[in-house]
Amino acid sequence: MRQITILVAALLATSAPAAASSGDAWAEFAEEVRTQCLAASESVLEAAQAVVDPFGSESFGLAVLTGKARGADATVSYICIMDKQTGTVELGSELPSDVLSVTVE
């Protein structure tokens, strides 16, 4: 019985740091998505801001980037994906602000 108690205590002690680092790992992942997506948008957006899905999908990190279209007065958005395996980033097509102004009734 004492061996089981020691085993359970050891398992609990090792699982607590893993849970904490998991949150840290997701925060680092979200920051990587934000950084990579903002870098990818420099040629099309000025003063871009990113809203990052903290976990993404199974295969991709996801973000919505919004800013002033480079060389224009319009505010536009782009969907950005980052492949979790390769780190490759891609932007979708330009979304004008009226597309994102959806009213739910």
PDB file of N, CA and C in Angstrom:
ATOM      1  N   MET A   1       0.824  -1.191   0.000  1.00  0.00           N
ATOM      2  CA  MET A   1       0.000   0.000   0.000  1.00  0.00           C
ATOM      3  C   MET A   1       0.870   1.258   0.000  1.00  0.00           C
ATOM      4  N   ARG A   2       1.987   1.200   0.742  1.00  0.00           N
ATOM      5  CA  ARG A   2       2.870   2.364   0.811  1.00  0.00           C
ATOM      6  C   ARG A   2       3.460   2.668  -0.567  1.00  0.00           C
ATOM      7  N   GLN A   3       3.760   1.636  -1.357  1.00  0.00           N
ATOM      8  CA  GLN A   3       4.327   1.840  -2.692  1.00  0.00           C
ATOM      9  C   GLN A   3       3.320   2.541  -3.608  1.00  0.00           C
ATOM     10  N   ILE A   4       2.064   2.186  -3.472  1.00  0.00           N
ATOM     11  CA  ILE A   4       1.026   2.824  -4.277  1.00  0.00           C
ATOM     12  C   ILE A   4       0.910   4.298  -3.902  1.00  0.00           C
ATOM     13  N   THR A   5       0.951   4.602  -2.615  1.00  0.00           N
ATOM     14  CA  THR A   5       0.875   5.984  -2.156  1.00  0.00           C
ATOM     15  C   THR A   5       2.039   6.797  -2.703  1.00  0.00           C
ATOM     16  N   ILE A   6       3.236   6.229  -2.660  1.00  0.00           N
ATOM     17  CA  ILE A   6       4.420   6.922  -3.193  1.00  0.00           C
ATOM     18  C   ILE A   6       4.288   7.117  -4.703  1.00  0.00           C
ATOM     19  N   LEU A   7       3.800   6.102  -5.398  1.00  0.00           N
ATOM     20  CA  LEU A   7       3.623   6.195  -6.839  1.00  0.00           C
ATOM     21  C   LEU A   7       2.621   7.282  -7.197  1.00  0.00           C
ATOM     22  N   VAL A   8       1.486   7.323  -6.501  1.00  0.00           N
ATOM     23  CA  VAL A   8       0.464   8.341  -6.758  1.00  0.00           C
ATOM     24  C   VAL A   8       1.020   9.734  -6.474  1.00  0.00           C
ATOM     25  N   ALA A   9       1.747   9.883  -5.369  1.00  0.00           N
ATOM     26  CA  ALA A   9       2.335  11.175  -5.036  1.00  0.00           C
ATOM     27  C   ALA A   9       3.332  11.609  -6.105  1.00  0.00           C
ATOM     28  N   ALA A  10       4.134  10.683  -6.602  1.00  0.00           N
ATOM     29  CA  ALA A  10       5.106  11.000  -7.644  1.00  0.00           C
ATOM     30  C   ALA A  10       4.417  11.409  -8.942  1.00  0.00           C
ATOM     31  N   LEU A  11       3.353  10.707  -9.299  1.00  0.00           N
ATOM     32  CA  LEU A  11       2.617  11.052 -10.516  1.00  0.00           C
ATOM     33  C   LEU A  11       1.975  12.423 -10.408  1.00  0.00           C
ATOM     34  N   LEU A  12       1.399  12.730  -9.244  1.00  0.00           N
ATOM     35  CA  LEU A  12       0.792  14.043  -9.051  1.00  0.00           C
ATOM     36  C   LEU A  12       1.844  15.143  -9.101  1.00  0.00           C
ATOM     37  N   ALA A  13       2.985  14.908  -8.541  1.00  0.00           N
ATOM     38  CA  ALA A  13       4.051  15.913  -8.533  1.00  0.00           C
ATOM     39  C   ALA A  13       4.559  16.189  -9.940  1.00  0.00           C
ATOM     40  N   THR A  14       4.631  15.167 -10.783  1.00  0.00           N
ATOM     41  CA  THR A  14       5.128  15.383 -12.140  1.00  0.00           C
ATOM     42  C   THR A  14       4.059  15.919 -13.072  1.00  0.00           C
ATOM     43  N   SER A  15       2.783  15.723 -12.764  1.00  0.00           N
ATOM     44  CA  SER A  15       1.730  16.212 -13.654  1.00  0.00           C
ATOM     45  C   SER A  15       1.454  17.689 -13.454  1.00  0.00           C
ATOM     46  N   ALA A  16       1.688  18.243 -12.294  1.00  0.00           N
ATOM     47  CA  ALA A  16       1.433  19.665 -12.055  1.00  0.00           C
ATOM     48  C   ALA A  16       2.315  20.551 -12.919  1.00  0.00           C
ATOM     49  N   PRO A  17       3.636  20.336 -12.993  1.00  0.00           N
ATOM     50  CA  PRO A  17       4.445  21.167 -13.886  1.00  0.00           C
ATOM     51  C   PRO A  17       4.056  21.004 -15.347  1.00  0.00           C
ATOM     52  N   ALA A  18       3.636  19.819 -15.747  1.00  0.00           N
ATOM     53  CA  ALA A  18       3.240  19.603 -17.139  1.00  0.00           C
ATOM     54  C   ALA A  18       2.019  20.442 -17.479  1.00  0.00           C
ATOM     55  N   ALA A  19       1.064  20.538 -16.562  1.00  0.00           N
ATOM     56  CA  ALA A  19      -0.124  21.355 -16.819  1.00  0.00           C
ATOM     57  C   ALA A  19       0.252  22.819 -16.939  1.00  0.00           C
ATOM     58  N   ALA A  20       1.153  23.285 -16.096  1.00  0.00           N
ATOM     59  CA  ALA A  20       1.572  24.678 -16.144  1.00  0.00           C
ATOM     60  C   ALA A  20       2.329  24.973 -17.433  1.00  0.00           C
ATOM     61  N   SER A  21       3.228  24.081 -17.822  1.00  0.00           N
ATOM     62  CA  SER A  21       3.989  24.327 -19.044  1.00  0.00           C
ATOM     63  C   SER A  21       3.104  24.227 -20.274  1.00  0.00           C
ATOM     64  N   SER A  22       2.024  23.472 -20.207  1.00  0.00           N
ATOM     65  CA  SER A  22       1.102  23.368 -21.324  1.00  0.00           C
ATOM     66  C   SER A  22       0.498  24.736 -21.621  1.00  0.00           C
ATOM     67  N   GLY A  23       0.076  25.457 -20.581  1.00  0.00           N
ATOM     68  CA  GLY A  23      -0.449  26.806 -20.769  1.00  0.00           C
ATOM     69  C   GLY A  23       0.604  27.734 -21.339  1.00  0.00           C
ATOM     70  N   ASP A  24       1.834  27.591 -20.852  1.00  0.00           N
ATOM     71  CA  ASP A  24       2.938  28.390 -21.372  1.00  0.00           C
ATOM     72  C   ASP A  24       3.207  28.053 -22.836  1.00  0.00           C
ATOM     73  N   ALA A  25       3.129  26.782 -23.164  1.00  0.00           N
ATOM     74  CA  ALA A  25       3.378  26.360 -24.547  1.00  0.00           C
ATOM     75  C   ALA A  25       2.319  26.932 -25.487  1.00  0.00           C
ATOM     76  N   TRP A  26       1.054  26.946 -25.064  1.00  0.00           N
ATOM     77  CA  TRP A  26      -0.002  27.518 -25.899  1.00  0.00           C
ATOM     78  C   TRP A  26       0.181  29.019 -26.059  1.00  0.00           C
ATOM     79  N   ALA A  27       0.601  29.695 -25.013  1.00  0.00           N
ATOM     80  CA  ALA A  27       0.852  31.136 -25.095  1.00  0.00           C
ATOM     81  C   ALA A  27       2.005  31.416 -26.063  1.00  0.00           C
ATOM     82  N   GLU A  28       3.054  30.604 -26.004  1.00  0.00           N
ATOM     83  CA  GLU A  28       4.172  30.754 -26.933  1.00  0.00           C
ATOM     84  C   GLU A  28       3.733  30.488 -28.368  1.00  0.00           C
ATOM     85  N   PHE A  29       2.896  29.475 -28.544  1.00  0.00           N
ATOM     86  CA  PHE A  29       2.375  29.161 -29.871  1.00  0.00           C
ATOM     87  C   PHE A  29       1.571  30.342 -30.410  1.00  0.00           C
ATOM     88  N   ALA A  30       0.663  30.896 -29.603  1.00  0.00           N
ATOM     89  CA  ALA A  30      -0.149  32.031 -30.044  1.00  0.00           C
ATOM     90  C   ALA A  30       0.731  33.222 -30.405  1.00  0.00           C
ATOM     91  N   GLU A  31       1.774  33.461 -29.636  1.00  0.00           N
ATOM     92  CA  GLU A  31       2.692  34.565 -29.929  1.00  0.00           C
ATOM     93  C   GLU A  31       3.443  34.315 -31.230  1.00  0.00           C
ATOM     94  N   GLU A  32       3.826  33.073 -31.483  1.00  0.00           N
ATOM     95  CA  GLU A  32       4.498  32.746 -32.742  1.00  0.00           C
ATOM     96  C   GLU A  32       3.570  32.991 -33.927  1.00  0.00           C
ATOM     97  N   VAL A  33       2.310  32.573 -33.807  1.00  0.00           N
ATOM     98  CA  VAL A  33       1.334  32.808 -34.872  1.00  0.00           C
ATOM     99  C   VAL A  33       1.189  34.315 -35.105  1.00  0.00           C
ATOM    100  N   ARG A  34       1.039  35.078 -34.028  1.00  0.00           N
ATOM    101  CA  ARG A  34       0.884  36.530 -34.137  1.00  0.00           C
ATOM    102  C   ARG A  34       2.085  37.148 -34.849  1.00  0.00           C
ATOM    103  N   THR A  35       3.278  36.809 -34.406  1.00  0.00           N
ATOM    104  CA  THR A  35       4.503  37.372 -34.971  1.00  0.00           C
ATOM    105  C   THR A  35       4.659  37.012 -36.441  1.00  0.00           C
ATOM    106  N   GLN A  36       4.474  35.741 -36.769  1.00  0.00           N
ATOM    107  CA  GLN A  36       4.648  35.289 -38.152  1.00  0.00           C
ATOM    108  C   GLN A  36       3.588  35.878 -39.084  1.00  0.00           C
ATOM    109  N   CYS A  37       2.353  35.958 -38.604  1.00  0.00           N
ATOM    110  CA  CYS A  37       1.277  36.504 -39.443  1.00  0.00           C
ATOM    111  C   CYS A  37       1.463  38.001 -39.665  1.00  0.00           C
ATOM    112  N   LEU A  38       1.846  38.734 -38.627  1.00  0.00           N
ATOM    113  CA  LEU A  38       2.085  40.171 -38.798  1.00  0.00           C
ATOM    114  C   LEU A  38       3.236  40.407 -39.769  1.00  0.00           C
ATOM    115  N   ALA A  39       4.266  39.598 -39.688  1.00  0.00           N
ATOM    116  CA  ALA A  39       5.388  39.730 -40.623  1.00  0.00           C
ATOM    117  C   ALA A  39       4.935  39.467 -42.063  1.00  0.00           C
ATOM    118  N   ALA A  40       4.083  38.470 -42.229  1.00  0.00           N
ATOM    119  CA  ALA A  40       3.591  38.129 -43.570  1.00  0.00           C
ATOM    120  C   ALA A  40       2.698  39.223 -44.146  1.00  0.00           C
ATOM    121  N   SER A  41       2.097  40.031 -43.285  1.00  0.00           N
ATOM    122  CA  SER A  41       1.152  41.053 -43.758  1.00  0.00           C
ATOM    123  C   SER A  41       1.807  42.402 -44.039  1.00  0.00           C
ATOM    124  N   GLU A  42       3.099  42.536 -43.780  1.00  0.00           N
ATOM    125  CA  GLU A  42       3.759  43.837 -43.924  1.00  0.00           C
ATOM    126  C   GLU A  42       3.643  44.424 -45.332  1.00  0.00           C
ATOM    127  N   SER A  43       3.582  43.588 -46.336  1.00  0.00           N
ATOM    128  CA  SER A  43       3.503  44.106 -47.712  1.00  0.00           C
ATOM    129  C   SER A  43       2.095  44.569 -48.088  1.00  0.00           C
ATOM    130  N   VAL A  44       1.089  44.180 -47.311  1.00  0.00           N
ATOM    131  CA  VAL A  44      -0.293  44.529 -47.676  1.00  0.00           C
ATOM    132  C   VAL A  44      -1.008  45.380 -46.631  1.00  0.00           C
ATOM    133  N   LEU A  45      -0.492  45.439 -45.397  1.00  0.00           N
ATOM    134  CA  LEU A  45      -1.154  46.186 -44.329  1.00  0.00           C
ATOM    135  C   LEU A  45      -0.196  47.145 -43.634  1.00  0.00           C
ATOM    136  N   GLU A  46      -0.724  48.294 -43.269  1.00  0.00           N
ATOM    137  CA  GLU A  46      -0.005  49.242 -42.423  1.00  0.00           C
ATOM    138  C   GLU A  46      -0.640  49.200 -41.042  1.00  0.00           C
ATOM    139  N   ALA A  47       0.159  49.296 -40.008  1.00  0.00           N
ATOM    140  CA  ALA A  47      -0.325  49.316 -38.627  1.00  0.00           C
ATOM    141  C   ALA A  47      -1.279  48.144 -38.346  1.00  0.00           C
ATOM    142  N   ALA A  48      -0.877  46.971 -38.761  1.00  0.00           N
ATOM    143  CA  ALA A  48      -1.723  45.789 -38.602  1.00  0.00           C
ATOM    144  C   ALA A  48      -1.833  45.370 -37.137  1.00  0.00           C
ATOM    145  N   GLN A  49      -2.988  44.819 -36.812  1.00  0.00           N
ATOM    146  CA  GLN A  49      -3.226  44.212 -35.507  1.00  0.00           C
ATOM    147  C   GLN A  49      -3.736  42.801 -35.751  1.00  0.00           C
ATOM    148  N   ALA A  50      -3.422  41.906 -34.816  1.00  0.00           N
ATOM    149  CA  ALA A  50      -3.797  40.501 -34.983  1.00  0.00           C
ATOM    150  C   ALA A  50      -4.653  40.035 -33.817  1.00  0.00           C
ATOM    151  N   VAL A  51      -5.690  39.282 -34.147  1.00  0.00           N
ATOM    152  CA  VAL A  51      -6.477  38.554 -33.155  1.00  0.00           C
ATOM    153  C   VAL A  51      -6.207  37.083 -33.428  1.00  0.00           C
ATOM    154  N   VAL A  52      -5.593  36.413 -32.451  1.00  0.00           N
ATOM    155  CA  VAL A  52      -5.132  35.035 -32.645  1.00  0.00           C
ATOM    156  C   VAL A  52      -6.032  34.070 -31.887  1.00  0.00           C
ATOM    157  N   ASP A  53      -6.442  33.018 -32.569  1.00  0.00           N
ATOM    158  CA  ASP A  53      -7.117  31.913 -31.907  1.00  0.00           C
ATOM    159  C   ASP A  53      -6.061  31.254 -31.012  1.00  0.00           C
ATOM    160  N   PRO A  54      -6.288  31.165 -29.695  1.00  0.00           N
ATOM    161  CA  PRO A  54      -5.226  30.704 -28.802  1.00  0.00           C
ATOM    162  C   PRO A  54      -4.756  29.262 -29.049  1.00  0.00           C
ATOM    163  N   PHE A  55      -5.564  28.446 -29.711  1.00  0.00           N
ATOM    164  CA  PHE A  55      -5.185  27.052 -29.942  1.00  0.00           C
ATOM    165  C   PHE A  55      -5.137  26.688 -31.421  1.00  0.00           C
ATOM    166  N   GLY A  56      -5.857  27.409 -32.255  1.00  0.00           N
ATOM    167  CA  GLY A  56      -5.921  27.098 -33.679  1.00  0.00           C
ATOM    168  C   GLY A  56      -6.748  25.856 -33.941  1.00  0.00           C
ATOM    169  N   SER A  57      -6.602  25.334 -35.134  1.00  0.00           N
ATOM    170  CA  SER A  57      -7.274  24.080 -35.479  1.00  0.00           C
ATOM    171  C   SER A  57      -6.300  22.938 -35.231  1.00  0.00           C
ATOM    172  N   GLU A  58      -6.686  21.754 -35.604  1.00  0.00           N
ATOM    173  CA  GLU A  58      -5.799  20.609 -35.408  1.00  0.00           C
ATOM    174  C   GLU A  58      -4.480  20.776 -36.162  1.00  0.00           C
ATOM    175  N   SER A  59      -4.547  21.374 -37.350  1.00  0.00           N
ATOM    176  CA  SER A  59      -3.363  21.480 -38.204  1.00  0.00           C
ATOM    177  C   SER A  59      -2.770  22.880 -38.331  1.00  0.00           C
ATOM    178  N   PHE A  60      -3.550  23.916 -37.972  1.00  0.00           N
ATOM    179  CA  PHE A  60      -3.115  25.275 -38.265  1.00  0.00           C
ATOM    180  C   PHE A  60      -3.293  26.219 -37.084  1.00  0.00           C
ATOM    181  N   GLY A  61      -2.384  27.183 -36.983  1.00  0.00           N
ATOM    182  CA  GLY A  61      -2.587  28.351 -36.147  1.00  0.00           C
ATOM    183  C   GLY A  61      -3.413  29.328 -36.959  1.00  0.00           C
ATOM    184  N   LEU A  62      -4.307  30.047 -36.315  1.00  0.00           N
ATOM    185  CA  LEU A  62      -5.243  30.922 -37.025  1.00  0.00           C
ATOM    186  C   LEU A  62      -5.238  32.323 -36.432  1.00  0.00           C
ATOM    187  N   ALA A  63      -5.321  33.313 -37.312  1.00  0.00           N
ATOM    188  CA  ALA A  63      -5.398  34.695 -36.852  1.00  0.00           C
ATOM    189  C   ALA A  63      -6.179  35.519 -37.863  1.00  0.00           C
ATOM    190  N   VAL A  64      -6.794  36.591 -37.374  1.00  0.00           N
ATOM    191  CA  VAL A  64      -7.411  37.595 -38.230  1.00  0.00           C
ATOM    192  C   VAL A  64      -6.580  38.858 -38.077  1.00  0.00           C
ATOM    193  N   LEU A  65      -6.101  39.367 -39.196  1.00  0.00           N
ATOM    194  CA  LEU A  65      -5.277  40.570 -39.214  1.00  0.00           C
ATOM    195  C   LEU A  65      -6.106  41.723 -39.757  1.00  0.00           C
ATOM    196  N   THR A  66      -6.024  42.868 -39.113  1.00  0.00           N
ATOM    197  CA  THR A  66      -6.763  44.041 -39.559  1.00  0.00           C
ATOM    198  C   THR A  66      -5.834  45.241 -39.532  1.00  0.00           C
ATOM    199  N   GLY A  67      -5.954  46.074 -40.547  1.00  0.00           N
ATOM    200  CA  GLY A  67      -5.158  47.286 -40.625  1.00  0.00           C
ATOM    201  C   GLY A  67      -5.526  48.090 -41.842  1.00  0.00           C
ATOM    202  N   LYS A  68      -4.787  49.152 -42.066  1.00  0.00           N
ATOM    203  CA  LYS A  68      -5.007  50.003 -43.234  1.00  0.00           C
ATOM    204  C   LYS A  68      -4.341  49.345 -44.436  1.00  0.00           C
ATOM    205  N   ALA A  69      -5.090  49.225 -45.516  1.00  0.00           N
ATOM    206  CA  ALA A  69      -4.530  48.650 -46.737  1.00  0.00           C
ATOM    207  C   ALA A  69      -3.362  49.520 -47.185  1.00  0.00           C
ATOM    208  N   ARG A  70      -2.246  48.901 -47.464  1.00  0.00           N
ATOM    209  CA  ARG A  70      -1.046  49.646 -47.863  1.00  0.00           C
ATOM    210  C   ARG A  70      -1.355  50.449 -49.131  1.00  0.00           C
ATOM    211  N   GLY A  71      -1.104  51.760 -49.063  1.00  0.00           N
ATOM    212  CA  GLY A  71      -1.325  52.639 -50.207  1.00  0.00           C
ATOM    213  C   GLY A  71      -2.768  53.056 -50.405  1.00  0.00           C
ATOM    214  N   ALA A  72      -3.635  52.781 -49.439  1.00  0.00           N
ATOM    215  CA  ALA A  72      -5.055  53.149 -49.564  1.00  0.00           C
ATOM    216  C   ALA A  72      -5.560  53.669 -48.219  1.00  0.00           C
ATOM    217  N   ASP A  73      -6.775  54.180 -48.224  1.00  0.00           N
ATOM    218  CA  ASP A  73      -7.366  54.680 -46.980  1.00  0.00           C
ATOM    219  C   ASP A  73      -8.271  53.663 -46.307  1.00  0.00           C
ATOM    220  N   ALA A  74      -8.542  52.558 -46.963  1.00  0.00           N
ATOM    221  CA  ALA A  74      -9.508  51.582 -46.462  1.00  0.00           C
ATOM    222  C   ALA A  74      -8.899  50.686 -45.388  1.00  0.00           C
ATOM    223  N   THR A  75      -9.739  50.345 -44.408  1.00  0.00           N
ATOM    224  CA  THR A  75      -9.376  49.337 -43.417  1.00  0.00           C
ATOM    225  C   THR A  75      -9.827  47.988 -43.944  1.00  0.00           C
ATOM    226  N   VAL A  76      -8.908  47.027 -43.931  1.00  0.00           N
ATOM    227  CA  VAL A  76      -9.207  45.689 -44.447  1.00  0.00           C
ATOM    228  C   VAL A  76      -8.689  44.645 -43.474  1.00  0.00           C
ATOM    229  N   SER A  77      -9.119  43.418 -43.682  1.00  0.00           N
ATOM    230  CA  SER A  77      -8.672  42.295 -42.861  1.00  0.00           C
ATOM    231  C   SER A  77      -8.221  41.149 -43.748  1.00  0.00           C
ATOM    232  N   TYR A  78      -7.416  40.293 -43.172  1.00  0.00           N
ATOM    233  CA  TYR A  78      -6.960  39.069 -43.825  1.00  0.00           C
ATOM    234  C   TYR A  78      -7.050  37.944 -42.809  1.00  0.00           C
ATOM    235  N   ILE A  79      -7.362  36.751 -43.281  1.00  0.00           N
ATOM    236  CA  ILE A  79      -7.249  35.559 -42.452  1.00  0.00           C
ATOM    237  C   ILE A  79      -5.854  34.998 -42.693  1.00  0.00           C
ATOM    238  N   CYS A  80      -5.181  34.671 -41.619  1.00  0.00           N
ATOM    239  CA  CYS A  80      -3.829  34.132 -41.703  1.00  0.00           C
ATOM    240  C   CYS A  80      -3.822  32.737 -41.090  1.00  0.00           C
ATOM    241  N   ILE A  81      -3.138  31.819 -41.761  1.00  0.00           N
ATOM    242  CA  ILE A  81      -2.959  30.472 -41.218  1.00  0.00           C
ATOM    243  C   ILE A  81      -1.472  30.164 -41.130  1.00  0.00           C
ATOM    244  N   MET A  82      -1.102  29.428 -40.093  1.00  0.00           N
ATOM    245  CA  MET A  82       0.270  28.963 -39.951  1.00  0.00           C
ATOM    246  C   MET A  82       0.235  27.452 -39.750  1.00  0.00           C
ATOM    247  N   ASP A  83       0.886  26.733 -40.636  1.00  0.00           N
ATOM    248  CA  ASP A  83       0.949  25.279 -40.543  1.00  0.00           C
ATOM    249  C   ASP A  83       1.714  24.901 -39.270  1.00  0.00           C
ATOM    250  N   LYS A  84       1.089  24.113 -38.403  1.00  0.00           N
ATOM    251  CA  LYS A  84       1.716  23.724 -37.134  1.00  0.00           C
ATOM    252  C   LYS A  84       2.937  22.825 -37.346  1.00  0.00           C
ATOM    253  N   GLN A  85       2.962  22.068 -38.434  1.00  0.00           N
ATOM    254  CA  GLN A  85       4.082  21.165 -38.693  1.00  0.00           C
ATOM    255  C   GLN A  85       5.289  21.895 -39.270  1.00  0.00           C
ATOM    256  N   THR A  86       5.040  22.759 -40.260  1.00  0.00           N
ATOM    257  CA  THR A  86       6.142  23.378 -40.998  1.00  0.00           C
ATOM    258  C   THR A  86       6.423  24.823 -40.593  1.00  0.00           C
ATOM    259  N   GLY A  87       5.432  25.486 -39.971  1.00  0.00           N
ATOM    260  CA  GLY A  87       5.587  26.901 -39.633  1.00  0.00           C
ATOM    261  C   GLY A  87       5.322  27.828 -40.806  1.00  0.00           C
ATOM    262  N   THR A  88       4.927  27.275 -41.957  1.00  0.00           N
ATOM    263  CA  THR A  88       4.623  28.076 -43.140  1.00  0.00           C
ATOM    264  C   THR A  88       3.372  28.910 -42.898  1.00  0.00           C
ATOM    265  N   VAL A  89       3.442  30.187 -43.291  1.00  0.00           N
ATOM    266  CA  VAL A  89       2.329  31.117 -43.091  1.00  0.00           C
ATOM    267  C   VAL A  89       1.743  31.503 -44.443  1.00  0.00           C
ATOM    268  N   GLU A  90       0.409  31.576 -44.499  1.00  0.00           N
ATOM    269  CA  GLU A  90      -0.280  32.032 -45.703  1.00  0.00           C
ATOM    270  C   GLU A  90      -1.384  32.997 -45.314  1.00  0.00           C
ATOM    271  N   LEU A  91      -1.614  33.983 -46.193  1.00  0.00           N
ATOM    272  CA  LEU A  91      -2.712  34.920 -46.014  1.00  0.00           C
ATOM    273  C   LEU A  91      -3.804  34.603 -47.015  1.00  0.00           C
ATOM    274  N   GLY A  92      -5.053  34.763 -46.580  1.00  0.00           N
ATOM    275  CA  GLY A  92      -6.172  34.661 -47.497  1.00  0.00           C
ATOM    276  C   GLY A  92      -6.283  35.947 -48.298  1.00  0.00           C
ATOM    277  N   SER A  93      -7.383  36.115 -49.002  1.00  0.00           N
ATOM    278  CA  SER A  93      -7.570  37.328 -49.788  1.00  0.00           C
ATOM    279  C   SER A  93      -8.064  38.471 -48.901  1.00  0.00           C
ATOM    280  N   GLU A  94      -7.959  39.682 -49.422  1.00  0.00           N
ATOM    281  CA  GLU A  94      -8.360  40.883 -48.694  1.00  0.00           C
ATOM    282  C   GLU A  94      -9.859  40.871 -48.424  1.00  0.00           C
ATOM    283  N   LEU A  95     -10.224  41.153 -47.175  1.00  0.00           N
ATOM    284  CA  LEU A  95     -11.631  41.235 -46.781  1.00  0.00           C
ATOM    285  C   LEU A  95     -11.943  42.681 -46.414  1.00  0.00           C
ATOM    286  N   PRO A  96     -12.793  43.364 -47.188  1.00  0.00           N
ATOM    287  CA  PRO A  96     -13.139  44.735 -46.848  1.00  0.00           C
ATOM    288  C   PRO A  96     -13.897  44.777 -45.523  1.00  0.00           C
ATOM    289  N   SER A  97     -13.851  45.926 -44.859  1.00  0.00           N
ATOM    290  CA  SER A  97     -14.457  46.048 -43.531  1.00  0.00           C
ATOM    291  C   SER A  97     -15.948  45.744 -43.512  1.00  0.00           C
ATOM    292  N   ASP A  98     -16.673  46.023 -44.611  1.00  0.00           N
ATOM    293  CA  ASP A  98     -18.105  45.751 -44.617  1.00  0.00           C
ATOM    294  C   ASP A  98     -18.418  44.259 -44.576  1.00  0.00           C
ATOM    295  N   VAL A  99     -17.490  43.422 -45.015  1.00  0.00           N
ATOM    296  CA  VAL A  99     -17.688  41.974 -44.954  1.00  0.00           C
ATOM    297  C   VAL A  99     -17.694  41.505 -43.494  1.00  0.00           C
ATOM    298  N   LEU A 100     -16.899  42.169 -42.651  1.00  0.00           N
ATOM    299  CA  LEU A 100     -16.806  41.778 -41.250  1.00  0.00           C
ATOM    300  C   LEU A 100     -17.850  42.448 -40.367  1.00  0.00           C
ATOM    301  N   SER A 101     -18.604  43.369 -40.933  1.00  0.00           N
ATOM    302  CA  SER A 101     -19.643  44.062 -40.161  1.00  0.00           C
ATOM    303  C   SER A 101     -20.963  43.329 -40.319  1.00  0.00           C
ATOM    304  N   VAL A 102     -21.075  42.227 -39.638  1.00  0.00           N
ATOM    305  CA  VAL A 102     -22.257  41.370 -39.716  1.00  0.00           C
ATOM    306  C   VAL A 102     -23.166  41.660 -38.538  1.00  0.00           C
ATOM    307  N   THR A 103     -24.444  41.839 -38.802  1.00  0.00           N
ATOM    308  CA  THR A 103     -25.427  42.039 -37.739  1.00  0.00           C
ATOM    309  C   THR A 103     -26.229  40.759 -37.572  1.00  0.00           C
ATOM    310  N   VAL A 104     -26.262  40.238 -36.361  1.00  0.00           N
ATOM    311  CA  VAL A 104     -27.033  39.024 -36.081  1.00  0.00           C
ATOM    312  C   VAL A 104     -28.378  39.446 -35.508  1.00  0.00           C
ATOM    313  N   GLU A 105     -29.427  38.921 -36.098  1.00  0.00           N
ATOM    314  CA  GLU A 105     -30.768  39.265 -35.620  1.00  0.00           C
ATOM    315  C   GLU A 105     -31.374  38.128 -34.874  1.00  0.00           C
TER     316      GLU A 105
END
